[in-house]
């Protein structure tokens, strides 16, 4: 298992991040085109439940018609395996709801 406190290099992030997620400085970001507010709220709820379970919390912005998720491990000042894991979960929740991911 990867060290959850080790910051990842840009190359490691590029290889591991799900499709549609982009690296911007020390943040990993994706926009999910929900199409409507109710679907966006459902996606936020699912991501929130996963974040609570992982005890790792993203910044989430819910607007009509998209959800923007930003991940960073503030305690170590960069992207870690925790961020990659939560990005994968968020993308999985989006896929289950039929929501497309675009670049952040």
PDB file of N, CA and C in Angstrom:
ATOM      1  N   UNK A   1       0.841  -1.182   0.000  1.00  0.00           N
ATOM      2  CA  UNK A   1       0.000   0.000   0.000  1.00  0.00           C
ATOM      3  C   UNK A   1       0.887   1.246   0.000  1.00  0.00           C
ATOM      4  N   UNK A   2       0.492   2.246  -0.778  1.00  0.00           N
ATOM      5  CA  UNK A   2       1.242   3.493  -0.853  1.00  0.00           C
ATOM      6  C   UNK A   2       1.141   4.247   0.465  1.00  0.00           C
ATOM      7  N   UNK A   3       2.210   4.947   0.803  1.00  0.00           N
ATOM      8  CA  UNK A   3       2.239   5.757   2.014  1.00  0.00           C
ATOM      9  C   UNK A   3       1.254   6.919   1.849  1.00  0.00           C
ATOM     10  N   UNK A   4       0.186   6.976   2.666  1.00  0.00           N
ATOM     11  CA  UNK A   4      -0.829   8.015   2.494  1.00  0.00           C
ATOM     12  C   UNK A   4      -0.350   9.418   2.855  1.00  0.00           C
ATOM     13  N   UNK A   5       0.839   9.540   3.408  1.00  0.00           N
ATOM     14  CA  UNK A   5       1.388  10.853   3.763  1.00  0.00           C
ATOM     15  C   UNK A   5       2.477  11.315   2.792  1.00  0.00           C
ATOM     16  N   UNK A   6       2.805  10.474   1.806  1.00  0.00           N
ATOM     17  CA  UNK A   6       3.852  10.820   0.838  1.00  0.00           C
ATOM     18  C   UNK A   6       3.231  11.587  -0.326  1.00  0.00           C
ATOM     19  N   UNK A   7       3.790  12.752  -0.606  1.00  0.00           N
ATOM     20  CA  UNK A   7       3.300  13.501  -1.759  1.00  0.00           C
ATOM     21  C   UNK A   7       3.762  12.809  -3.040  1.00  0.00           C
ATOM     22  N   UNK A   8       2.894  12.846  -4.024  1.00  0.00           N
ATOM     23  CA  UNK A   8       3.166  12.207  -5.303  1.00  0.00           C
ATOM     24  C   UNK A   8       3.752  13.214  -6.284  1.00  0.00           C
ATOM     25  N   UNK A   9       4.554  12.722  -7.204  1.00  0.00           N
ATOM     26  CA  UNK A   9       5.108  13.581  -8.251  1.00  0.00           C
ATOM     27  C   UNK A   9       4.035  13.816  -9.316  1.00  0.00           C
ATOM     28  N   UNK A  10       4.252  14.808 -10.154  1.00  0.00           N
ATOM     29  CA  UNK A  10       3.316  15.087 -11.245  1.00  0.00           C
ATOM     30  C   UNK A  10       3.166  13.870 -12.145  1.00  0.00           C
ATOM     31  N   UNK A  11       4.240  13.162 -12.387  1.00  0.00           N
ATOM     32  CA  UNK A  11       4.198  11.963 -13.222  1.00  0.00           C
ATOM     33  C   UNK A  11       3.364  10.862 -12.566  1.00  0.00           C
ATOM     34  N   UNK A  12       3.555  10.662 -11.266  1.00  0.00           N
ATOM     35  CA  UNK A  12       2.782   9.649 -10.546  1.00  0.00           C
ATOM     36  C   UNK A  12       1.293   9.994 -10.544  1.00  0.00           C
ATOM     37  N   UNK A  13       0.999  11.277 -10.388  1.00  0.00           N
ATOM     38  CA  UNK A  13      -0.394  11.724 -10.396  1.00  0.00           C
ATOM     39  C   UNK A  13      -1.008  11.499 -11.767  1.00  0.00           C
ATOM     40  N   UNK A  14      -0.286  11.868 -12.801  1.00  0.00           N
ATOM     41  CA  UNK A  14      -0.771  11.703 -14.169  1.00  0.00           C
ATOM     42  C   UNK A  14      -1.097  10.246 -14.484  1.00  0.00           C
ATOM     43  N   UNK A  15      -0.261   9.351 -14.012  1.00  0.00           N
ATOM     44  CA  UNK A  15      -0.466   7.923 -14.255  1.00  0.00           C
ATOM     45  C   UNK A  15      -1.632   7.356 -13.446  1.00  0.00           C
ATOM     46  N   UNK A  16      -1.857   7.883 -12.245  1.00  0.00           N
ATOM     47  CA  UNK A  16      -2.826   7.283 -11.325  1.00  0.00           C
ATOM     48  C   UNK A  16      -4.195   7.953 -11.314  1.00  0.00           C
ATOM     49  N   UNK A  17      -4.275   9.224 -11.667  1.00  0.00           N
ATOM     50  CA  UNK A  17      -5.544   9.954 -11.569  1.00  0.00           C
ATOM     51  C   UNK A  17      -6.546   9.438 -12.598  1.00  0.00           C
ATOM     52  N   UNK A  18      -7.813   9.384 -12.203  1.00  0.00           N
ATOM     53  CA  UNK A  18      -8.849   8.974 -13.156  1.00  0.00           C
ATOM     54  C   UNK A  18      -8.968   9.970 -14.316  1.00  0.00           C
ATOM     55  N   UNK A  19      -9.520   9.529 -15.411  1.00  0.00           N
ATOM     56  CA  UNK A  19      -9.745  10.386 -16.572  1.00  0.00           C
ATOM     57  C   UNK A  19     -10.573  11.604 -16.174  1.00  0.00           C
ATOM     58  N   UNK A  20     -10.192  12.759 -16.715  1.00  0.00           N
ATOM     59  CA  UNK A  20     -10.934  13.981 -16.472  1.00  0.00           C
ATOM     60  C   UNK A  20     -10.448  14.797 -15.295  1.00  0.00           C
ATOM     61  N   UNK A  21      -9.552  14.260 -14.492  1.00  0.00           N
ATOM     62  CA  UNK A  21      -8.995  14.992 -13.355  1.00  0.00           C
ATOM     63  C   UNK A  21      -7.726  15.693 -13.800  1.00  0.00           C
ATOM     64  N   UNK A  22      -7.543  16.943 -13.376  1.00  0.00           N
ATOM     65  CA  UNK A  22      -6.364  17.706 -13.765  1.00  0.00           C
ATOM     66  C   UNK A  22      -5.612  18.195 -12.529  1.00  0.00           C
ATOM     67  N   UNK A  23      -4.325  18.310 -12.690  1.00  0.00           N
ATOM     68  CA  UNK A  23      -3.462  18.805 -11.633  1.00  0.00           C
ATOM     69  C   UNK A  23      -3.268  20.297 -11.826  1.00  0.00           C
ATOM     70  N   UNK A  24      -3.547  21.057 -10.777  1.00  0.00           N
ATOM     71  CA  UNK A  24      -3.361  22.497 -10.803  1.00  0.00           C
ATOM     72  C   UNK A  24      -2.606  22.873  -9.539  1.00  0.00           C
ATOM     73  N   UNK A  25      -1.292  23.007  -9.651  1.00  0.00           N
ATOM     74  CA  UNK A  25      -0.471  23.287  -8.476  1.00  0.00           C
ATOM     75  C   UNK A  25      -0.476  22.102  -7.536  1.00  0.00           C
ATOM     76  N   UNK A  26      -1.011  22.306  -6.348  1.00  0.00           N
ATOM     77  CA  UNK A  26      -1.072  21.239  -5.348  1.00  0.00           C
ATOM     78  C   UNK A  26      -2.495  20.730  -5.170  1.00  0.00           C
ATOM     79  N   UNK A  27      -3.307  20.850  -6.233  1.00  0.00           N
ATOM     80  CA  UNK A  27      -4.693  20.400  -6.180  1.00  0.00           C
ATOM     81  C   UNK A  27      -5.024  19.543  -7.390  1.00  0.00           C
ATOM     82  N   UNK A  28      -5.905  18.594  -7.160  1.00  0.00           N
ATOM     83  CA  UNK A  28      -6.434  17.734  -8.210  1.00  0.00           C
ATOM     84  C   UNK A  28      -7.905  18.097  -8.344  1.00  0.00           C
ATOM     85  N   UNK A  29      -8.338  18.439  -9.569  1.00  0.00           N
ATOM     86  CA  UNK A  29      -9.686  18.965  -9.760  1.00  0.00           C
ATOM     87  C   UNK A  29     -10.403  18.274 -10.916  1.00  0.00           C
ATOM     88  N   UNK A  30     -11.723  18.093 -10.736  1.00  0.00           N
ATOM     89  CA  UNK A  30     -12.576  17.602 -11.816  1.00  0.00           C
ATOM     90  C   UNK A  30     -13.919  18.302 -11.744  1.00  0.00           C
ATOM     91  N   UNK A  31     -14.524  18.467 -12.914  1.00  0.00           N
ATOM     92  CA  UNK A  31     -15.886  19.016 -13.010  1.00  0.00           C
ATOM     93  C   UNK A  31     -16.774  17.916 -13.561  1.00  0.00           C
ATOM     94  N   UNK A  32     -17.892  17.733 -12.897  1.00  0.00           N
ATOM     95  CA  UNK A  32     -18.851  16.710 -13.301  1.00  0.00           C
ATOM     96  C   UNK A  32     -20.102  17.396 -13.839  1.00  0.00           C
ATOM     97  N   UNK A  33     -20.415  17.136 -15.108  1.00  0.00           N
ATOM     98  CA  UNK A  33     -21.564  17.750 -15.769  1.00  0.00           C
ATOM     99  C   UNK A  33     -22.830  16.989 -15.383  1.00  0.00           C
ATOM    100  N   UNK A  34     -23.460  17.406 -14.296  1.00  0.00           N
ATOM    101  CA  UNK A  34     -24.624  16.695 -13.764  1.00  0.00           C
ATOM    102  C   UNK A  34     -25.889  16.952 -14.561  1.00  0.00           C
ATOM    103  N   UNK A  35     -25.974  18.100 -15.221  1.00  0.00           N
ATOM    104  CA  UNK A  35     -27.140  18.390 -16.045  1.00  0.00           C
ATOM    105  C   UNK A  35     -28.307  18.986 -15.278  1.00  0.00           C
ATOM    106  N   UNK A  36     -28.415  18.668 -14.008  1.00  0.00           N
ATOM    107  CA  UNK A  36     -29.473  19.249 -13.190  1.00  0.00           C
ATOM    108  C   UNK A  36     -29.041  19.272 -11.729  1.00  0.00           C
ATOM    109  N   UNK A  37     -29.747  20.064 -10.952  1.00  0.00           N
ATOM    110  CA  UNK A  37     -29.361  20.275  -9.565  1.00  0.00           C
ATOM    111  C   UNK A  37     -29.554  19.027  -8.712  1.00  0.00           C
ATOM    112  N   UNK A  38     -30.644  18.300  -8.919  1.00  0.00           N
ATOM    113  CA  UNK A  38     -30.937  17.111  -8.107  1.00  0.00           C
ATOM    114  C   UNK A  38     -29.857  16.042  -8.283  1.00  0.00           C
ATOM    115  N   UNK A  39     -29.408  15.836  -9.508  1.00  0.00           N
ATOM    116  CA  UNK A  39     -28.350  14.854  -9.755  1.00  0.00           C
ATOM    117  C   UNK A  39     -27.048  15.326  -9.113  1.00  0.00           C
ATOM    118  N   UNK A  40     -26.773  16.624  -9.204  1.00  0.00           N
ATOM    119  CA  UNK A  40     -25.589  17.180  -8.562  1.00  0.00           C
ATOM    120  C   UNK A  40     -25.621  16.972  -7.058  1.00  0.00           C
ATOM    121  N   UNK A  41     -26.774  17.175  -6.466  1.00  0.00           N
ATOM    122  CA  UNK A  41     -26.919  16.981  -5.028  1.00  0.00           C
ATOM    123  C   UNK A  41     -26.712  15.512  -4.652  1.00  0.00           C
ATOM    124  N   UNK A  42     -27.231  14.607  -5.468  1.00  0.00           N
ATOM    125  CA  UNK A  42     -27.030  13.170  -5.222  1.00  0.00           C
ATOM    126  C   UNK A  42     -25.549  12.816  -5.309  1.00  0.00           C
ATOM    127  N   UNK A  43     -24.849  13.391  -6.282  1.00  0.00           N
ATOM    128  CA  UNK A  43     -23.419  13.128  -6.428  1.00  0.00           C
ATOM    129  C   UNK A  43     -22.653  13.671  -5.215  1.00  0.00           C
ATOM    130  N   UNK A  44     -22.974  14.881  -4.794  1.00  0.00           N
ATOM    131  CA  UNK A  44     -22.314  15.470  -3.629  1.00  0.00           C
ATOM    132  C   UNK A  44     -22.551  14.596  -2.401  1.00  0.00           C
ATOM    133  N   UNK A  45     -23.762  14.088  -2.245  1.00  0.00           N
ATOM    134  CA  UNK A  45     -24.084  13.234  -1.108  1.00  0.00           C
ATOM    135  C   UNK A  45     -23.228  11.964  -1.116  1.00  0.00           C
ATOM    136  N   UNK A  46     -23.089  11.344  -2.272  1.00  0.00           N
ATOM    137  CA  UNK A  46     -22.281  10.121  -2.376  1.00  0.00           C
ATOM    138  C   UNK A  46     -20.801  10.387  -2.127  1.00  0.00           C
ATOM    139  N   UNK A  47     -20.305  11.460  -2.705  1.00  0.00           N
ATOM    140  CA  UNK A  47     -18.897  11.810  -2.482  1.00  0.00           C
ATOM    141  C   UNK A  47     -18.679  12.142  -1.008  1.00  0.00           C
ATOM    142  N   UNK A  48     -19.612  12.854  -0.426  1.00  0.00           N
ATOM    143  CA  UNK A  48     -19.509  13.202   0.985  1.00  0.00           C
ATOM    144  C   UNK A  48     -19.463  11.977   1.880  1.00  0.00           C
ATOM    145  N   UNK A  49     -20.282  10.982   1.584  1.00  0.00           N
ATOM    146  CA  UNK A  49     -20.278   9.750   2.378  1.00  0.00           C
ATOM    147  C   UNK A  49     -18.934   9.039   2.253  1.00  0.00           C
ATOM    148  N   UNK A  50     -18.387   8.990   1.053  1.00  0.00           N
ATOM    149  CA  UNK A  50     -17.077   8.364   0.851  1.00  0.00           C
ATOM    150  C   UNK A  50     -15.981   9.147   1.566  1.00  0.00           C
ATOM    151  N   UNK A  51     -16.079  10.467   1.533  1.00  0.00           N
ATOM    152  CA  UNK A  51     -15.089  11.313   2.206  1.00  0.00           C
ATOM    153  C   UNK A  51     -15.130  11.090   3.716  1.00  0.00           C
ATOM    154  N   UNK A  52     -16.317  10.994   4.273  1.00  0.00           N
ATOM    155  CA  UNK A  52     -16.439  10.741   5.709  1.00  0.00           C
ATOM    156  C   UNK A  52     -15.843   9.388   6.066  1.00  0.00           C
ATOM    157  N   UNK A  53     -16.131   8.393   5.259  1.00  0.00           N
ATOM    158  CA  UNK A  53     -15.608   7.044   5.512  1.00  0.00           C
ATOM    159  C   UNK A  53     -14.078   7.032   5.468  1.00  0.00           C
ATOM    160  N   UNK A  54     -13.525   7.796   4.537  1.00  0.00           N
ATOM    161  CA  UNK A  54     -12.066   7.843   4.377  1.00  0.00           C
ATOM    162  C   UNK A  54     -11.410   8.849   5.333  1.00  0.00           C
ATOM    163  N   UNK A  55     -12.215   9.671   5.986  1.00  0.00           N
ATOM    164  CA  UNK A  55     -11.711  10.761   6.815  1.00  0.00           C
ATOM    165  C   UNK A  55     -10.744  11.644   6.024  1.00  0.00           C
ATOM    166  N   UNK A  56     -11.149  11.942   4.787  1.00  0.00           N
ATOM    167  CA  UNK A  56     -10.365  12.793   3.888  1.00  0.00           C
ATOM    168  C   UNK A  56     -11.364  13.611   3.083  1.00  0.00           C
ATOM    169  N   UNK A  57     -11.345  14.905   3.246  1.00  0.00           N
ATOM    170  CA  UNK A  57     -12.448  15.729   2.777  1.00  0.00           C
ATOM    171  C   UNK A  57     -12.060  16.678   1.651  1.00  0.00           C
ATOM    172  N   UNK A  58     -12.775  16.580   0.533  1.00  0.00           N
ATOM    173  CA  UNK A  58     -12.515  17.463  -0.609  1.00  0.00           C
ATOM    174  C   UNK A  58     -13.239  18.798  -0.446  1.00  0.00           C
ATOM    175  N   UNK A  59     -12.883  19.732  -1.299  1.00  0.00           N
ATOM    176  CA  UNK A  59     -13.680  20.938  -1.478  1.00  0.00           C
ATOM    177  C   UNK A  59     -14.650  20.623  -2.608  1.00  0.00           C
ATOM    178  N   UNK A  60     -15.928  20.877  -2.379  1.00  0.00           N
ATOM    179  CA  UNK A  60     -16.959  20.566  -3.365  1.00  0.00           C
ATOM    180  C   UNK A  60     -17.798  21.815  -3.607  1.00  0.00           C
ATOM    181  N   UNK A  61     -18.015  22.137  -4.881  1.00  0.00           N
ATOM    182  CA  UNK A  61     -18.879  23.251  -5.254  1.00  0.00           C
ATOM    183  C   UNK A  61     -20.013  22.685  -6.107  1.00  0.00           C
ATOM    184  N   UNK A  62     -21.236  22.870  -5.635  1.00  0.00           N
ATOM    185  CA  UNK A  62     -22.430  22.417  -6.338  1.00  0.00           C
ATOM    186  C   UNK A  62     -23.108  23.617  -6.969  1.00  0.00           C
ATOM    187  N   UNK A  63     -23.199  23.602  -8.281  1.00  0.00           N
ATOM    188  CA  UNK A  63     -23.926  24.641  -9.001  1.00  0.00           C
ATOM    189  C   UNK A  63     -24.803  23.957 -10.037  1.00  0.00           C
ATOM    190  N   UNK A  64     -25.679  24.726 -10.630  1.00  0.00           N
ATOM    191  CA  UNK A  64     -26.446  24.204 -11.748  1.00  0.00           C
ATOM    192  C   UNK A  64     -25.660  24.541 -12.997  1.00  0.00           C
ATOM    193  N   UNK A  65     -25.249  23.619 -13.782  1.00  0.00           N
ATOM    194  CA  UNK A  65     -25.517  22.185 -13.826  1.00  0.00           C
ATOM    195  C   UNK A  65     -24.266  21.322 -13.635  1.00  0.00           C
ATOM    196  N   UNK A  66     -23.420  21.655 -12.661  1.00  0.00           N
ATOM    197  CA  UNK A  66     -22.225  20.849 -12.466  1.00  0.00           C
ATOM    198  C   UNK A  66     -21.780  20.822 -11.013  1.00  0.00           C
ATOM    199  N   UNK A  67     -20.881  19.874 -10.736  1.00  0.00           N
ATOM    200  CA  UNK A  67     -20.238  19.753  -9.431  1.00  0.00           C
ATOM    201  C   UNK A  67     -18.735  19.798  -9.687  1.00  0.00           C
ATOM    202  N   UNK A  68     -18.038  20.648  -8.951  1.00  0.00           N
ATOM    203  CA  UNK A  68     -16.587  20.720  -9.046  1.00  0.00           C
ATOM    204  C   UNK A  68     -16.008  20.166  -7.750  1.00  0.00           C
ATOM    205  N   UNK A  69     -15.080  19.228  -7.892  1.00  0.00           N
ATOM    206  CA  UNK A  69     -14.444  18.596  -6.738  1.00  0.00           C
ATOM    207  C   UNK A  69     -12.949  18.900  -6.800  1.00  0.00           C
ATOM    208  N   UNK A  70     -12.408  19.381  -5.686  1.00  0.00           N
ATOM    209  CA  UNK A  70     -10.988  19.689  -5.584  1.00  0.00           C
ATOM    210  C   UNK A  70     -10.404  18.918  -4.411  1.00  0.00           C
ATOM    211  N   UNK A  71      -9.324  18.211  -4.683  1.00  0.00           N
ATOM    212  CA  UNK A  71      -8.666  17.374  -3.675  1.00  0.00           C
ATOM    213  C   UNK A  71      -7.241  17.833  -3.439  1.00  0.00           C
ATOM    214  N   UNK A  72      -6.826  17.792  -2.180  1.00  0.00           N
ATOM    215  CA  UNK A  72      -5.454  18.067  -1.798  1.00  0.00           C
ATOM    216  C   UNK A  72      -5.261  17.583  -0.373  1.00  0.00           C
ATOM    217  N   UNK A  73      -4.102  17.077  -0.074  1.00  0.00           N
ATOM    218  CA  UNK A  73      -3.775  16.667   1.290  1.00  0.00           C
ATOM    219  C   UNK A  73      -3.081  17.847   1.967  1.00  0.00           C
ATOM    220  N   UNK A  74      -3.885  18.690   2.590  1.00  0.00           N
ATOM    221  CA  UNK A  74      -3.370  19.918   3.186  1.00  0.00           C
ATOM    222  C   UNK A  74      -2.329  19.654   4.269  1.00  0.00           C
ATOM    223  N   UNK A  75      -2.450  18.502   4.939  1.00  0.00           N
ATOM    224  CA  UNK A  75      -1.515  18.199   6.027  1.00  0.00           C
ATOM    225  C   UNK A  75      -0.094  17.960   5.536  1.00  0.00           C
ATOM    226  N   UNK A  76       0.066  17.593   4.262  1.00  0.00           N
ATOM    227  CA  UNK A  76       1.410  17.379   3.718  1.00  0.00           C
ATOM    228  C   UNK A  76       1.728  18.339   2.566  1.00  0.00           C
ATOM    229  N   UNK A  77       0.770  19.179   2.188  1.00  0.00           N
ATOM    230  CA  UNK A  77       1.018  20.189   1.166  1.00  0.00           C
ATOM    231  C   UNK A  77       1.148  19.664  -0.238  1.00  0.00           C
ATOM    232  N   UNK A  78       0.315  18.701  -0.605  1.00  0.00           N
ATOM    233  CA  UNK A  78       0.358  18.179  -1.967  1.00  0.00           C
ATOM    234  C   UNK A  78      -0.657  17.084  -2.176  1.00  0.00           C
ATOM    235  N   UNK A  79      -0.503  16.378  -3.275  1.00  0.00           N
ATOM    236  CA  UNK A  79      -1.389  15.279  -3.638  1.00  0.00           C
ATOM    237  C   UNK A  79      -0.783  13.982  -3.129  1.00  0.00           C
ATOM    238  N   UNK A  80      -1.601  13.162  -2.478  1.00  0.00           N
ATOM    239  CA  UNK A  80      -1.174  11.861  -1.968  1.00  0.00           C
ATOM    240  C   UNK A  80      -2.085  10.766  -2.517  1.00  0.00           C
ATOM    241  N   UNK A  81      -1.775   9.543  -2.133  1.00  0.00           N
ATOM    242  CA  UNK A  81      -2.618   8.416  -2.545  1.00  0.00           C
ATOM    243  C   UNK A  81      -4.038   8.566  -2.018  1.00  0.00           C
ATOM    244  N   UNK A  82      -4.221   9.279  -0.909  1.00  0.00           N
ATOM    245  CA  UNK A  82      -5.570   9.528  -0.380  1.00  0.00           C
ATOM    246  C   UNK A  82      -6.405  10.305  -1.379  1.00  0.00           C
ATOM    247  N   UNK A  83      -5.778  11.270  -2.050  1.00  0.00           N
ATOM    248  CA  UNK A  83      -6.484  12.074  -3.040  1.00  0.00           C
ATOM    249  C   UNK A  83      -6.838  11.250  -4.272  1.00  0.00           C
ATOM    250  N   UNK A  84      -5.899  10.430  -4.704  1.00  0.00           N
ATOM    251  CA  UNK A  84      -6.155   9.564  -5.863  1.00  0.00           C
ATOM    252  C   UNK A  84      -7.297   8.597  -5.544  1.00  0.00           C
ATOM    253  N   UNK A  85      -7.269   8.000  -4.356  1.00  0.00           N
ATOM    254  CA  UNK A  85      -8.322   7.063  -3.963  1.00  0.00           C
ATOM    255  C   UNK A  85      -9.687   7.739  -3.949  1.00  0.00           C
ATOM    256  N   UNK A  86      -9.763   8.950  -3.385  1.00  0.00           N
ATOM    257  CA  UNK A  86     -11.044   9.642  -3.325  1.00  0.00           C
ATOM    258  C   UNK A  86     -11.482  10.112  -4.710  1.00  0.00           C
ATOM    259  N   UNK A  87     -10.536  10.493  -5.559  1.00  0.00           N
ATOM    260  CA  UNK A  87     -10.877  10.861  -6.939  1.00  0.00           C
ATOM    261  C   UNK A  87     -11.495   9.669  -7.668  1.00  0.00           C
ATOM    262  N   UNK A  88     -10.934   8.501  -7.473  1.00  0.00           N
ATOM    263  CA  UNK A  88     -11.491   7.294  -8.100  1.00  0.00           C
ATOM    264  C   UNK A  88     -12.902   7.016  -7.600  1.00  0.00           C
ATOM    265  N   UNK A  89     -13.109   7.166  -6.297  1.00  0.00           N
ATOM    266  CA  UNK A  89     -14.443   6.955  -5.736  1.00  0.00           C
ATOM    267  C   UNK A  89     -15.431   7.972  -6.301  1.00  0.00           C
ATOM    268  N   UNK A  90     -15.025   9.233  -6.362  1.00  0.00           N
ATOM    269  CA  UNK A  90     -15.898  10.281  -6.898  1.00  0.00           C
ATOM    270  C   UNK A  90     -16.262   9.997  -8.352  1.00  0.00           C
ATOM    271  N   UNK A  91     -15.279   9.593  -9.140  1.00  0.00           N
ATOM    272  CA  UNK A  91     -15.551   9.261 -10.540  1.00  0.00           C
ATOM    273  C   UNK A  91     -16.477   8.057 -10.646  1.00  0.00           C
ATOM    274  N   UNK A  92     -16.311   7.089  -9.766  1.00  0.00           N
ATOM    275  CA  UNK A  92     -17.199   5.924  -9.748  1.00  0.00           C
ATOM    276  C   UNK A  92     -18.624   6.299  -9.394  1.00  0.00           C
ATOM    277  N   UNK A  93     -18.783   7.200  -8.431  1.00  0.00           N
ATOM    278  CA  UNK A  93     -20.119   7.662  -8.071  1.00  0.00           C
ATOM    279  C   UNK A  93     -20.758   8.400  -9.252  1.00  0.00           C
ATOM    280  N   UNK A  94     -19.984   9.220  -9.933  1.00  0.00           N
ATOM    281  CA  UNK A  94     -20.486   9.946 -11.096  1.00  0.00           C
ATOM    282  C   UNK A  94     -20.928   8.971 -12.186  1.00  0.00           C
ATOM    283  N   UNK A  95     -20.099   7.977 -12.441  1.00  0.00           N
ATOM    284  CA  UNK A  95     -20.441   6.987 -13.465  1.00  0.00           C
ATOM    285  C   UNK A  95     -21.731   6.255 -13.108  1.00  0.00           C
ATOM    286  N   UNK A  96     -21.888   5.901 -11.845  1.00  0.00           N
ATOM    287  CA  UNK A  96     -23.105   5.200 -11.407  1.00  0.00           C
ATOM    288  C   UNK A  96     -24.354   6.055 -11.600  1.00  0.00           C
ATOM    289  N   UNK A  97     -24.187   7.378 -11.547  1.00  0.00           N
ATOM    290  CA  UNK A  97     -25.315   8.292 -11.755  1.00  0.00           C
ATOM    291  C   UNK A  97     -25.466   8.718 -13.207  1.00  0.00           C
ATOM    292  N   UNK A  98     -24.597   8.226 -14.077  1.00  0.00           N
ATOM    293  CA  UNK A  98     -24.658   8.594 -15.488  1.00  0.00           C
ATOM    294  C   UNK A  98     -24.142   9.992 -15.757  1.00  0.00           C
ATOM    295  N   UNK A  99     -23.226  10.462 -14.910  1.00  0.00           N
ATOM    296  CA  UNK A  99     -22.701  11.830 -15.016  1.00  0.00           C
ATOM    297  C   UNK A  99     -21.330  11.798 -15.683  1.00  0.00           C
ATOM    298  N   UNK A 100     -21.155  12.698 -16.643  1.00  0.00           N
ATOM    299  CA  UNK A 100     -19.876  12.795 -17.357  1.00  0.00           C
ATOM    300  C   UNK A 100     -18.905  13.659 -16.575  1.00  0.00           C
ATOM    301  N   UNK A 101     -17.633  13.293 -16.646  1.00  0.00           N
ATOM    302  CA  UNK A 101     -16.582  14.098 -16.026  1.00  0.00           C
ATOM    303  C   UNK A 101     -15.877  14.885 -17.128  1.00  0.00           C
ATOM    304  N   UNK A 102     -15.664  16.150 -16.841  1.00  0.00           N
ATOM    305  CA  UNK A 102     -14.887  17.004 -17.741  1.00  0.00           C
ATOM    306  C   UNK A 102     -13.660  17.447 -17.011  1.00  0.00           C
ATOM    307  N   UNK A 103     -12.807  18.179 -17.657  1.00  0.00           N
ATOM    308  CA  UNK A 103     -11.586  18.621 -16.995  1.00  0.00           C
ATOM    309  C   UNK A 103     -11.862  19.797 -16.081  1.00  0.00           C
ATOM    310  N   UNK A 104     -11.084  19.803 -14.977  1.00  0.00           N
ATOM    311  CA  UNK A 104     -11.220  20.850 -13.967  1.00  0.00           C
ATOM    312  C   UNK A 104     -10.669  22.171 -14.394  1.00  0.00           C
TER     313      UNK A 104
END
